[in-house]
């Protein structure tokens, strides 16, 4: 149990750092809003969760604790998504609704395709 907590903590720290880095790239290098960074992160993270879970589950091994719970749990960012939607609702309702629909649709599809790919 202690070792699992260690792997979750290390994975979580690395996932959070990468999430920050990806958002910085979107904002500073690509000159795009952070919503595009968050959307990309959530789609990529869901794809990887589907892929890795398909390869390793039902085993709750080191990969599960480090990568699924730790790394991808902190890399994907539902709290940032929710905050961004709340900020957009008053100024751009159509944009907020579009963002919600794109996030839900593409993260579910990414998870599905990751799981399908892991079975080949």
Protein backbone atom coordinates (compact mmCIF):
# COMPACT_ATOMS: atom_id res chain seq x y z
CA UNK A 1 0.00 0.00 0.00
CA UNK A 2 2.77 2.49 0.87
CA UNK A 3 4.50 1.73 -2.43
CA UNK A 4 1.25 2.35 -4.34
CA UNK A 5 0.87 5.74 -2.62
CA UNK A 6 4.46 6.56 -3.59
CA UNK A 7 3.80 5.73 -7.26
CA UNK A 8 0.56 7.75 -7.23
CA UNK A 9 2.38 10.74 -5.72
CA UNK A 10 5.28 10.67 -8.20
CA UNK A 11 2.92 10.17 -11.14
CA UNK A 12 0.65 12.95 -9.90
CA UNK A 13 3.52 15.40 -9.58
CA UNK A 14 4.77 14.63 -13.09
CA UNK A 15 1.27 14.85 -14.59
CA UNK A 16 0.64 18.24 -12.98
CA UNK A 17 3.99 19.57 -14.24
CA UNK A 18 3.25 18.36 -17.77
CA UNK A 19 -0.25 19.88 -17.66
CA UNK A 20 1.29 23.23 -16.72
CA UNK A 21 3.86 22.91 -19.52
CA UNK A 22 1.28 22.05 -22.17
CA UNK A 23 -0.89 25.02 -21.17
CA UNK A 24 2.17 27.29 -21.32
CA UNK A 25 2.93 26.06 -24.85
CA UNK A 26 -0.63 26.73 -25.98
CA UNK A 27 -0.69 30.21 -24.44
CA UNK A 28 2.86 31.45 -25.02
CA UNK A 29 4.09 29.57 -28.09
CA UNK A 30 0.90 28.95 -30.06
CA UNK A 31 -0.77 32.14 -28.78
CA UNK A 32 -4.04 30.30 -28.15
CA UNK A 33 -6.43 30.51 -25.22
CA UNK A 34 -5.86 28.14 -22.33
CA UNK A 35 -9.17 26.45 -23.19
CA UNK A 36 -7.44 24.85 -26.19
CA UNK A 37 -4.67 23.57 -23.96
CA UNK A 38 -7.18 22.13 -21.52
CA UNK A 39 -9.19 20.58 -24.34
CA UNK A 40 -6.04 18.99 -25.80
CA UNK A 41 -4.95 17.74 -22.37
CA UNK A 42 -8.33 16.17 -21.62
CA UNK A 43 -8.53 14.47 -25.04
CA UNK A 44 -4.94 13.19 -24.90
CA UNK A 45 -5.33 12.09 -21.29
CA UNK A 46 -8.56 10.22 -22.00
CA UNK A 47 -6.97 8.51 -25.00
CA UNK A 48 -4.02 7.42 -22.86
CA UNK A 49 -6.29 6.23 -20.05
CA UNK A 50 -8.21 4.10 -22.56
CA UNK A 51 -4.99 2.77 -24.08
CA UNK A 52 -3.16 2.01 -20.83
CA UNK A 53 -6.25 0.68 -19.05
CA UNK A 54 -6.91 -1.62 -22.00
CA UNK A 55 -3.37 -2.95 -21.82
CA UNK A 56 -3.05 -3.34 -18.04
CA UNK A 57 -6.49 -3.83 -16.53
CA UNK A 58 -7.84 -5.68 -14.64
CA UNK A 59 -4.39 -5.79 -13.01
CA UNK A 60 -3.90 -3.00 -10.52
CA UNK A 61 -0.15 -3.03 -10.92
CA UNK A 62 2.53 -0.35 -10.74
CA UNK A 63 1.46 1.02 -14.15
CA UNK A 64 -2.10 1.43 -12.91
CA UNK A 65 -1.12 3.35 -9.78
CA UNK A 66 1.61 5.47 -11.35
CA UNK A 67 0.12 6.22 -14.75
CA UNK A 68 -3.67 5.95 -14.47
CA UNK A 69 -4.31 7.27 -10.96
CA UNK A 70 -1.24 9.46 -10.49
CA UNK A 71 -0.01 10.82 -13.80
CA UNK A 72 -3.21 10.94 -15.85
CA UNK A 73 -5.34 11.74 -12.82
CA UNK A 74 -3.43 14.99 -12.37
CA UNK A 75 -2.71 15.59 -16.06
CA UNK A 76 -6.37 15.66 -17.09
CA UNK A 77 -8.06 18.60 -15.53
CA UNK A 78 -11.80 18.63 -15.00
CA UNK A 79 -11.54 21.40 -12.43
CA UNK A 80 -9.82 23.72 -14.93
CA UNK A 81 -12.45 22.81 -17.54
CA UNK A 82 -15.27 23.66 -15.13
CA UNK A 83 -13.66 26.95 -14.15
CA UNK A 84 -13.15 27.95 -17.79
CA UNK A 85 -16.78 27.14 -18.62
CA UNK A 86 -17.96 29.29 -15.72
CA UNK A 87 -15.81 32.18 -16.93
CA UNK A 88 -17.18 31.86 -20.47
CA UNK A 89 -20.89 31.50 -19.63
CA UNK A 90 -21.58 35.21 -19.10
CA UNK A 91 -19.52 36.52 -22.01
CA UNK A 92 -19.78 33.77 -24.63
CA UNK A 93 -22.64 31.33 -24.00
CA UNK A 94 -22.36 29.71 -27.45
CA UNK A 95 -18.60 29.28 -26.94
CA UNK A 96 -19.17 27.76 -23.49
CA UNK A 97 -21.75 25.30 -24.81
CA UNK A 98 -19.50 24.42 -27.75
CA UNK A 99 -16.56 23.86 -25.40
CA UNK A 100 -18.65 21.57 -23.18
CA UNK A 101 -19.89 19.54 -26.16
CA UNK A 102 -16.42 19.26 -27.75
CA UNK A 103 -14.83 18.21 -24.47
CA UNK A 104 -17.43 15.56 -23.67
CA UNK A 105 -17.57 14.18 -27.22
CA UNK A 106 -13.85 14.08 -27.92
CA UNK A 107 -12.74 12.82 -24.51
CA UNK A 108 -15.21 9.92 -24.69
CA UNK A 109 -14.12 9.15 -28.27
CA UNK A 110 -10.45 9.38 -27.29
CA UNK A 111 -10.97 6.96 -24.40
CA UNK A 112 -12.81 4.57 -26.70
CA UNK A 113 -10.14 4.71 -29.44
CA UNK A 114 -7.38 4.25 -26.88
CA UNK A 115 -9.10 1.14 -25.54
CA UNK A 116 -9.70 -0.21 -29.07
CA UNK A 117 -6.09 0.40 -30.05
CA UNK A 118 -4.83 -1.40 -26.95
CA UNK A 119 -6.66 -4.57 -28.00
CA UNK A 120 -4.91 -4.89 -31.37
